[in-house]
Amino acid sequence: MKSRIGNRAGGEPIDFRYRIFRTRPLGSGAGVTSSPSLISSVQELRTFLSGAHISWQWADQSVSELVDAYDEHYFEDHVLVAGVVSAGSGSTRVNITGVSRTEEFLTVIFQLDRPAIGTADMMSWHYFVEIGSSDAGDLPLNINLPITRGNQNRGGRGWTVADR
């Protein structure tokens, strides 16, 4: 079964590339779908990754891949839009289908594909969207999914997840 979330943002499409990494939540990261962050330097990337290590499990190769790919040369004319998306099943597939710009926002458009029968495990994915600095401008960032903080109670009951 596919759950399609279309381009409700409208606007002008922006050229982009992206990387998505599965990052299992460590209790406090469960159910979190964050507001996107703009990363425009190597130092900002390292700060973002340091914070992301607190609540999520990362494969060492994922972190190395990011640090190798996004060096000072990359940030001369590009930025990253980064954040985390959570779902109630690790079988959910997370894709980014577009980035659009309006007069009000720069919006990353996600599509979550859920299988007919999913797993009962909570999963998160950290995303890194590559766009040109001139395309980003000074616009506030947005995504087409609800922003959730998850549940502070680690019992799991009442978790709010992005794909419901």
N, C-alpha and C. Protein backbone atom coordinates (compact mmCIF):
# COMPACT_ATOMS: atom_id res chain seq x y z
N MET A 1 0.84 -1.17 0.00
CA MET A 1 0.00 0.00 0.00
C MET A 1 0.89 1.24 0.00
N LYS A 2 0.58 2.17 -0.84
CA LYS A 2 1.36 3.39 -0.91
C LYS A 2 0.58 4.53 -0.28
N SER A 3 1.29 5.32 0.48
CA SER A 3 0.73 6.52 1.07
C SER A 3 1.44 7.69 0.39
N ARG A 4 0.77 8.34 -0.52
CA ARG A 4 1.40 9.41 -1.28
C ARG A 4 1.04 10.76 -0.68
N ILE A 5 2.03 11.55 -0.45
CA ILE A 5 1.83 12.93 0.00
C ILE A 5 2.38 13.80 -1.12
N GLY A 6 1.50 14.43 -1.83
CA GLY A 6 1.91 15.16 -3.02
C GLY A 6 2.52 16.51 -2.70
N ASN A 7 2.81 17.26 -3.76
CA ASN A 7 3.39 18.58 -3.62
C ASN A 7 2.30 19.58 -3.29
N ARG A 8 1.92 19.60 -2.02
CA ARG A 8 0.93 20.58 -1.58
C ARG A 8 1.55 21.96 -1.43
N ALA A 9 2.86 22.01 -1.47
CA ALA A 9 3.56 23.28 -1.28
C ALA A 9 3.43 24.18 -2.50
N GLY A 10 3.24 23.58 -3.69
CA GLY A 10 3.21 24.37 -4.91
C GLY A 10 4.55 25.02 -5.14
N GLY A 11 4.57 26.11 -5.86
CA GLY A 11 5.80 26.87 -6.04
C GLY A 11 6.70 26.35 -7.13
N GLU A 12 7.87 26.93 -7.19
CA GLU A 12 8.88 26.63 -8.20
C GLU A 12 9.74 25.46 -7.75
N PRO A 13 9.87 24.41 -8.59
CA PRO A 13 10.75 23.29 -8.21
C PRO A 13 12.21 23.72 -8.19
N ILE A 14 12.97 23.16 -7.25
CA ILE A 14 14.38 23.45 -7.07
C ILE A 14 15.16 22.17 -7.36
N ASP A 15 16.30 22.28 -8.04
CA ASP A 15 17.17 21.12 -8.25
C ASP A 15 17.74 20.68 -6.91
N PHE A 16 17.78 19.37 -6.71
CA PHE A 16 18.28 18.85 -5.44
C PHE A 16 18.80 17.42 -5.61
N ARG A 17 19.59 17.02 -4.65
CA ARG A 17 20.01 15.63 -4.47
C ARG A 17 19.86 15.36 -2.98
N TYR A 18 19.78 14.08 -2.61
CA TYR A 18 19.62 13.82 -1.18
C TYR A 18 20.24 12.49 -0.77
N ARG A 19 20.47 12.40 0.53
CA ARG A 19 20.92 11.17 1.17
C ARG A 19 20.00 10.96 2.38
N ILE A 20 19.61 9.71 2.57
CA ILE A 20 18.79 9.35 3.72
C ILE A 20 19.47 8.19 4.43
N PHE A 21 19.57 8.28 5.77
CA PHE A 21 20.19 7.24 6.58
C PHE A 21 19.20 6.76 7.64
N ARG A 22 19.07 5.43 7.75
CA ARG A 22 18.26 4.85 8.82
C ARG A 22 19.00 5.08 10.13
N THR A 23 18.32 5.67 11.10
CA THR A 23 18.92 5.95 12.40
C THR A 23 17.91 5.55 13.48
N ARG A 24 18.10 4.37 14.02
CA ARG A 24 17.18 3.85 15.04
C ARG A 24 17.17 4.77 16.26
N PRO A 25 15.96 5.12 16.74
CA PRO A 25 15.88 6.01 17.91
C PRO A 25 16.33 5.31 19.19
N LEU A 26 16.92 6.10 20.07
CA LEU A 26 17.34 5.63 21.38
C LEU A 26 16.41 6.22 22.44
N GLY A 27 15.21 5.74 22.53
CA GLY A 27 14.27 6.22 23.54
C GLY A 27 13.77 7.62 23.25
N SER A 28 14.54 8.64 23.64
CA SER A 28 14.07 10.02 23.53
C SER A 28 13.92 10.48 22.08
N GLY A 29 14.54 9.78 21.12
CA GLY A 29 14.40 10.15 19.72
C GLY A 29 13.18 9.53 19.05
N ALA A 30 12.48 8.63 19.77
CA ALA A 30 11.35 7.92 19.18
C ALA A 30 10.21 8.88 18.88
N GLY A 31 9.66 8.78 17.69
CA GLY A 31 8.50 9.57 17.31
C GLY A 31 8.80 11.00 16.90
N VAL A 32 10.06 11.37 16.81
CA VAL A 32 10.43 12.75 16.49
C VAL A 32 10.50 12.95 14.98
N THR A 33 9.78 13.93 14.49
CA THR A 33 9.96 14.44 13.13
C THR A 33 10.28 15.92 13.31
N SER A 34 11.52 16.28 12.99
CA SER A 34 12.01 17.62 13.33
C SER A 34 11.73 18.65 12.25
N SER A 35 11.77 19.89 12.68
CA SER A 35 11.80 20.98 11.71
C SER A 35 13.14 20.88 10.99
N PRO A 36 13.18 21.20 9.71
CA PRO A 36 14.46 21.11 8.99
C PRO A 36 15.43 22.20 9.44
N SER A 37 16.71 21.86 9.35
CA SER A 37 17.79 22.80 9.68
C SER A 37 18.58 23.12 8.42
N LEU A 38 19.04 24.35 8.31
CA LEU A 38 19.91 24.74 7.21
C LEU A 38 21.36 24.64 7.68
N ILE A 39 22.16 23.89 6.93
CA ILE A 39 23.57 23.70 7.26
C ILE A 39 24.39 24.33 6.14
N SER A 40 25.23 25.29 6.50
CA SER A 40 25.98 26.01 5.47
C SER A 40 27.49 26.01 5.69
N SER A 41 27.97 25.13 6.58
CA SER A 41 29.42 25.04 6.81
C SER A 41 29.75 23.67 7.39
N VAL A 42 31.03 23.32 7.32
CA VAL A 42 31.50 22.06 7.90
C VAL A 42 31.25 22.06 9.40
N GLN A 43 31.50 23.18 10.06
CA GLN A 43 31.28 23.26 11.51
C GLN A 43 29.81 23.05 11.86
N GLU A 44 28.89 23.64 11.10
CA GLU A 44 27.46 23.45 11.36
C GLU A 44 27.07 21.98 11.14
N LEU A 45 27.66 21.32 10.15
CA LEU A 45 27.39 19.90 9.91
C LEU A 45 27.85 19.07 11.11
N ARG A 46 29.05 19.35 11.60
CA ARG A 46 29.57 18.60 12.75
C ARG A 46 28.72 18.83 14.00
N THR A 47 28.26 20.05 14.18
CA THR A 47 27.38 20.35 15.32
C THR A 47 26.07 19.59 15.18
N PHE A 48 25.50 19.57 13.98
CA PHE A 48 24.25 18.84 13.74
C PHE A 48 24.45 17.35 14.03
N LEU A 49 25.53 16.76 13.52
CA LEU A 49 25.79 15.34 13.73
C LEU A 49 26.04 15.02 15.20
N SER A 50 26.72 15.91 15.92
CA SER A 50 26.93 15.69 17.36
C SER A 50 25.60 15.63 18.10
N GLY A 51 24.70 16.53 17.76
CA GLY A 51 23.37 16.52 18.38
C GLY A 51 22.56 15.30 18.00
N ALA A 52 22.72 14.85 16.75
CA ALA A 52 21.96 13.69 16.27
C ALA A 52 22.44 12.39 16.91
N HIS A 53 23.67 12.36 17.41
CA HIS A 53 24.18 11.16 18.08
C HIS A 53 23.55 10.94 19.45
N ILE A 54 22.97 11.98 20.02
CA ILE A 54 22.42 11.88 21.36
C ILE A 54 21.21 10.95 21.41
N SER A 55 20.33 11.02 20.44
CA SER A 55 19.07 10.27 20.50
C SER A 55 18.91 9.20 19.44
N TRP A 56 19.90 9.02 18.56
CA TRP A 56 19.77 8.04 17.48
C TRP A 56 21.04 7.24 17.29
N GLN A 57 20.88 5.99 16.82
CA GLN A 57 22.01 5.13 16.49
C GLN A 57 22.42 5.40 15.04
N TRP A 58 23.68 5.66 14.83
CA TRP A 58 24.21 5.89 13.49
C TRP A 58 25.25 4.82 13.17
N ALA A 59 25.26 4.36 11.94
CA ALA A 59 26.34 3.50 11.47
C ALA A 59 27.56 4.39 11.27
N ASP A 60 28.72 3.92 11.71
CA ASP A 60 29.94 4.73 11.57
C ASP A 60 30.20 5.13 10.12
N GLN A 61 29.87 4.23 9.18
CA GLN A 61 30.09 4.54 7.76
C GLN A 61 29.20 5.68 7.30
N SER A 62 28.01 5.85 7.88
CA SER A 62 27.12 6.95 7.51
C SER A 62 27.74 8.28 7.87
N VAL A 63 28.25 8.38 9.07
CA VAL A 63 28.88 9.63 9.51
C VAL A 63 30.11 9.94 8.67
N SER A 64 30.93 8.92 8.41
CA SER A 64 32.13 9.11 7.59
C SER A 64 31.76 9.57 6.18
N GLU A 65 30.71 8.98 5.62
CA GLU A 65 30.26 9.36 4.28
C GLU A 65 29.86 10.83 4.24
N LEU A 66 29.16 11.28 5.26
CA LEU A 66 28.73 12.68 5.30
C LEU A 66 29.90 13.63 5.45
N VAL A 67 30.80 13.33 6.36
CA VAL A 67 31.96 14.20 6.60
C VAL A 67 32.84 14.26 5.35
N ASP A 68 33.00 13.13 4.66
CA ASP A 68 33.81 13.11 3.44
C ASP A 68 33.15 13.87 2.29
N ALA A 69 31.83 13.75 2.17
CA ALA A 69 31.12 14.36 1.04
C ALA A 69 30.96 15.87 1.17
N TYR A 70 30.77 16.35 2.38
CA TYR A 70 30.45 17.76 2.58
C TYR A 70 31.61 18.48 3.26
N ASP A 71 32.57 18.88 2.43
CA ASP A 71 33.75 19.58 2.92
C ASP A 71 33.61 21.08 2.63
N GLU A 72 34.66 21.83 2.92
CA GLU A 72 34.64 23.29 2.70
C GLU A 72 34.32 23.64 1.24
N HIS A 73 34.86 22.85 0.33
CA HIS A 73 34.61 23.09 -1.10
C HIS A 73 33.11 22.96 -1.42
N TYR A 74 32.45 21.96 -0.86
CA TYR A 74 31.01 21.78 -1.10
C TYR A 74 30.24 23.02 -0.66
N PHE A 75 30.57 23.55 0.52
CA PHE A 75 29.80 24.65 1.08
C PHE A 75 30.11 26.00 0.44
N GLU A 76 31.00 26.05 -0.53
CA GLU A 76 31.27 27.31 -1.22
C GLU A 76 30.04 27.79 -1.99
N ASP A 77 29.28 26.86 -2.57
CA ASP A 77 28.09 27.27 -3.33
C ASP A 77 26.88 26.37 -3.11
N HIS A 78 26.91 25.55 -2.05
CA HIS A 78 25.79 24.68 -1.72
C HIS A 78 25.49 24.75 -0.22
N VAL A 79 24.28 24.34 0.13
CA VAL A 79 23.89 24.17 1.52
C VAL A 79 23.18 22.82 1.65
N LEU A 80 22.97 22.41 2.89
CA LEU A 80 22.21 21.20 3.18
C LEU A 80 20.98 21.57 3.98
N VAL A 81 19.88 20.92 3.67
CA VAL A 81 18.70 20.98 4.51
C VAL A 81 18.66 19.62 5.19
N ALA A 82 18.65 19.60 6.53
CA ALA A 82 18.77 18.33 7.26
C ALA A 82 17.74 18.25 8.38
N GLY A 83 17.39 17.01 8.71
CA GLY A 83 16.47 16.77 9.81
C GLY A 83 16.22 15.29 9.97
N VAL A 84 15.18 14.97 10.72
CA VAL A 84 14.84 13.58 10.97
C VAL A 84 13.34 13.38 10.77
N VAL A 85 12.99 12.21 10.23
CA VAL A 85 11.60 11.81 10.04
C VAL A 85 11.43 10.46 10.72
N SER A 86 10.36 10.29 11.51
CA SER A 86 10.09 9.03 12.19
C SER A 86 8.82 8.40 11.66
N ALA A 87 8.76 7.08 11.80
CA ALA A 87 7.57 6.34 11.41
C ALA A 87 7.38 5.19 12.39
N GLY A 88 6.16 4.70 12.46
CA GLY A 88 5.83 3.63 13.39
C GLY A 88 6.28 2.26 12.95
N SER A 89 6.82 2.14 11.75
CA SER A 89 7.29 0.85 11.24
C SER A 89 8.60 1.04 10.50
N GLY A 90 9.55 0.15 10.77
CA GLY A 90 10.82 0.17 10.06
C GLY A 90 10.69 -0.25 8.61
N SER A 91 9.52 -0.78 8.23
CA SER A 91 9.28 -1.19 6.84
C SER A 91 8.87 -0.02 5.95
N THR A 92 8.59 1.12 6.55
CA THR A 92 8.22 2.31 5.77
C THR A 92 9.42 2.73 4.93
N ARG A 93 9.15 3.09 3.67
CA ARG A 93 10.21 3.63 2.82
C ARG A 93 10.03 5.14 2.76
N VAL A 94 11.12 5.86 2.98
CA VAL A 94 11.10 7.32 2.99
C VAL A 94 11.83 7.82 1.77
N ASN A 95 11.15 8.64 0.97
CA ASN A 95 11.75 9.25 -0.21
C ASN A 95 11.48 10.74 -0.20
N ILE A 96 12.33 11.47 -0.85
CA ILE A 96 12.12 12.90 -1.06
C ILE A 96 11.80 13.07 -2.54
N THR A 97 10.63 13.59 -2.81
CA THR A 97 10.17 13.68 -4.19
C THR A 97 10.33 15.07 -4.80
N GLY A 98 10.67 16.05 -3.98
CA GLY A 98 10.85 17.38 -4.53
C GLY A 98 11.26 18.40 -3.48
N VAL A 99 11.74 19.51 -3.98
CA VAL A 99 12.00 20.69 -3.17
C VAL A 99 11.41 21.84 -3.96
N SER A 100 10.60 22.65 -3.30
CA SER A 100 9.98 23.78 -4.00
C SER A 100 10.16 25.07 -3.22
N ARG A 101 10.10 26.16 -3.96
CA ARG A 101 10.27 27.48 -3.37
C ARG A 101 9.06 28.33 -3.71
N THR A 102 8.48 28.94 -2.69
CA THR A 102 7.43 29.94 -2.87
C THR A 102 7.98 31.24 -2.31
N GLU A 103 7.15 32.27 -2.29
CA GLU A 103 7.58 33.53 -1.69
C GLU A 103 7.72 33.41 -0.18
N GLU A 104 7.07 32.38 0.41
CA GLU A 104 7.07 32.24 1.87
C GLU A 104 8.03 31.19 2.41
N PHE A 105 8.23 30.07 1.67
CA PHE A 105 8.99 28.94 2.21
C PHE A 105 9.82 28.24 1.14
N LEU A 106 10.84 27.54 1.62
CA LEU A 106 11.53 26.51 0.85
C LEU A 106 11.07 25.20 1.48
N THR A 107 10.39 24.35 0.71
CA THR A 107 9.75 23.15 1.26
C THR A 107 10.34 21.88 0.68
N VAL A 108 10.70 20.94 1.57
CA VAL A 108 11.14 19.61 1.18
C VAL A 108 9.89 18.72 1.20
N ILE A 109 9.67 17.99 0.10
CA ILE A 109 8.45 17.19 -0.05
C ILE A 109 8.80 15.71 0.08
N PHE A 110 8.25 15.08 1.10
CA PHE A 110 8.49 13.67 1.39
C PHE A 110 7.35 12.81 0.85
N GLN A 111 7.70 11.57 0.55
CA GLN A 111 6.71 10.54 0.26
C GLN A 111 7.05 9.35 1.14
N LEU A 112 6.09 8.92 1.95
CA LEU A 112 6.28 7.75 2.80
C LEU A 112 5.48 6.60 2.21
N ASP A 113 6.15 5.53 1.86
CA ASP A 113 5.48 4.34 1.34
C ASP A 113 5.43 3.30 2.44
N ARG A 114 4.20 2.93 2.82
CA ARG A 114 4.02 1.95 3.88
C ARG A 114 3.57 0.63 3.27
N PRO A 115 4.14 -0.48 3.72
CA PRO A 115 3.68 -1.77 3.24
C PRO A 115 2.32 -2.11 3.84
N ALA A 116 1.60 -3.04 3.20
CA ALA A 116 0.30 -3.46 3.72
C ALA A 116 0.45 -4.05 5.12
N ILE A 117 1.52 -4.78 5.34
CA ILE A 117 1.81 -5.33 6.67
C ILE A 117 3.19 -4.81 7.07
N GLY A 118 3.22 -4.00 8.09
CA GLY A 118 4.49 -3.42 8.53
C GLY A 118 5.03 -4.14 9.75
N THR A 119 6.12 -3.65 10.23
CA THR A 119 6.71 -4.18 11.46
C THR A 119 6.29 -3.29 12.62
N ALA A 120 6.45 -3.76 13.81
CA ALA A 120 6.03 -3.01 15.00
C ALA A 120 7.16 -2.20 15.61
N ASP A 121 8.24 -2.04 14.87
CA ASP A 121 9.37 -1.29 15.42
C ASP A 121 9.34 0.15 14.96
N MET A 122 9.70 1.04 15.84
CA MET A 122 9.80 2.46 15.51
C MET A 122 11.11 2.67 14.76
N MET A 123 11.09 3.50 13.73
CA MET A 123 12.32 3.78 12.99
C MET A 123 12.36 5.26 12.65
N SER A 124 13.56 5.77 12.50
CA SER A 124 13.77 7.15 12.08
C SER A 124 14.77 7.16 10.94
N TRP A 125 14.70 8.22 10.16
CA TRP A 125 15.62 8.43 9.05
C TRP A 125 16.10 9.87 9.11
N HIS A 126 17.40 10.07 9.07
CA HIS A 126 17.96 11.42 8.94
C HIS A 126 18.17 11.70 7.47
N TYR A 127 17.78 12.88 7.06
CA TYR A 127 17.89 13.25 5.64
C TYR A 127 18.81 14.46 5.50
N PHE A 128 19.47 14.49 4.35
CA PHE A 128 20.37 15.59 3.99
C PHE A 128 20.09 15.93 2.53
N VAL A 129 19.50 17.10 2.30
CA VAL A 129 19.10 17.53 0.97
C VAL A 129 20.09 18.57 0.49
N GLU A 130 20.71 18.30 -0.66
CA GLU A 130 21.72 19.18 -1.23
C GLU A 130 21.04 20.16 -2.20
N ILE A 131 21.20 21.45 -1.95
CA ILE A 131 20.68 22.46 -2.87
C ILE A 131 21.70 23.59 -3.00
N GLY A 132 21.56 24.36 -4.06
CA GLY A 132 22.44 25.50 -4.27
C GLY A 132 22.15 26.60 -3.26
N SER A 133 23.19 27.30 -2.84
CA SER A 133 23.02 28.39 -1.88
C SER A 133 22.07 29.45 -2.40
N SER A 134 22.17 29.76 -3.69
CA SER A 134 21.31 30.79 -4.27
C SER A 134 19.85 30.35 -4.30
N ASP A 135 19.60 29.03 -4.43
CA ASP A 135 18.22 28.53 -4.41
C ASP A 135 17.62 28.63 -3.01
N ALA A 136 18.45 28.44 -1.99
CA ALA A 136 17.96 28.49 -0.60
C ALA A 136 17.60 29.91 -0.21
N GLY A 137 18.43 30.86 -0.59
CA GLY A 137 18.18 32.25 -0.21
C GLY A 137 18.03 32.38 1.29
N ASP A 138 17.16 33.26 1.72
CA ASP A 138 16.91 33.49 3.15
C ASP A 138 15.53 32.99 3.57
N LEU A 139 14.94 32.11 2.77
CA LEU A 139 13.60 31.64 3.06
C LEU A 139 13.57 30.70 4.26
N PRO A 140 12.49 30.77 5.06
CA PRO A 140 12.33 29.78 6.12
C PRO A 140 12.12 28.39 5.51
N LEU A 141 12.55 27.35 6.25
CA LEU A 141 12.44 25.98 5.77
C LEU A 141 11.16 25.33 6.27
N ASN A 142 10.68 24.37 5.46
CA ASN A 142 9.42 23.72 5.76
C ASN A 142 9.49 22.29 5.21
N ILE A 143 8.68 21.39 5.75
CA ILE A 143 8.49 20.06 5.15
C ILE A 143 7.00 19.81 5.06
N ASN A 144 6.60 18.84 4.23
CA ASN A 144 5.17 18.56 4.04
C ASN A 144 4.65 17.52 5.03
N LEU A 145 5.36 17.26 6.10
CA LEU A 145 4.93 16.33 7.15
C LEU A 145 4.71 17.10 8.45
N PRO A 146 3.86 16.58 9.31
CA PRO A 146 3.69 17.25 10.61
C PRO A 146 4.96 17.14 11.45
N ILE A 147 5.29 18.20 12.14
CA ILE A 147 6.44 18.22 13.05
C ILE A 147 5.96 17.65 14.38
N THR A 148 6.69 16.65 14.90
CA THR A 148 6.29 16.02 16.16
C THR A 148 7.48 15.93 17.09
N ARG A 149 7.23 16.00 18.36
CA ARG A 149 8.28 15.90 19.36
C ARG A 149 8.40 14.50 19.93
N GLY A 150 7.50 13.60 19.54
CA GLY A 150 7.50 12.27 20.12
C GLY A 150 6.90 12.33 21.51
N ASN A 151 7.10 11.28 22.26
CA ASN A 151 6.54 11.19 23.59
C ASN A 151 7.66 11.20 24.62
N GLN A 152 7.56 12.04 25.59
CA GLN A 152 8.58 12.08 26.64
C GLN A 152 8.52 10.85 27.53
N ASN A 153 7.37 10.17 27.55
CA ASN A 153 7.21 8.93 28.31
C ASN A 153 7.78 7.80 27.49
N ARG A 154 8.82 7.15 27.98
CA ARG A 154 9.48 6.09 27.23
C ARG A 154 8.67 4.81 27.15
N GLY A 155 7.48 4.77 27.75
CA GLY A 155 6.66 3.57 27.70
C GLY A 155 6.13 3.27 26.31
N GLY A 156 6.19 4.24 25.41
CA GLY A 156 5.76 4.01 24.04
C GLY A 156 4.32 4.35 23.77
N ARG A 157 3.51 4.41 24.77
CA ARG A 157 2.10 4.70 24.57
C ARG A 157 1.91 6.16 24.19
N GLY A 158 1.11 6.41 23.18
CA GLY A 158 0.81 7.78 22.79
C GLY A 158 1.83 8.41 21.86
N TRP A 159 2.75 7.62 21.30
CA TRP A 159 3.70 8.19 20.36
C TRP A 159 2.99 8.80 19.18
N THR A 160 3.42 9.92 18.76
CA THR A 160 2.90 10.57 17.56
C THR A 160 3.92 10.33 16.47
N VAL A 161 3.50 9.75 15.37
CA VAL A 161 4.43 9.44 14.29
C VAL A 161 3.97 10.10 13.01
N ALA A 162 4.92 10.27 12.10
CA ALA A 162 4.66 11.06 10.89
C ALA A 162 3.77 10.37 9.89
N ASP A 163 3.69 9.03 9.89
CA ASP A 163 2.98 8.39 8.79
C ASP A 163 1.59 7.92 9.16
N ARG A 164 0.97 8.48 10.18
CA ARG A 164 -0.41 8.10 10.51
C ARG A 164 -1.38 8.94 9.74
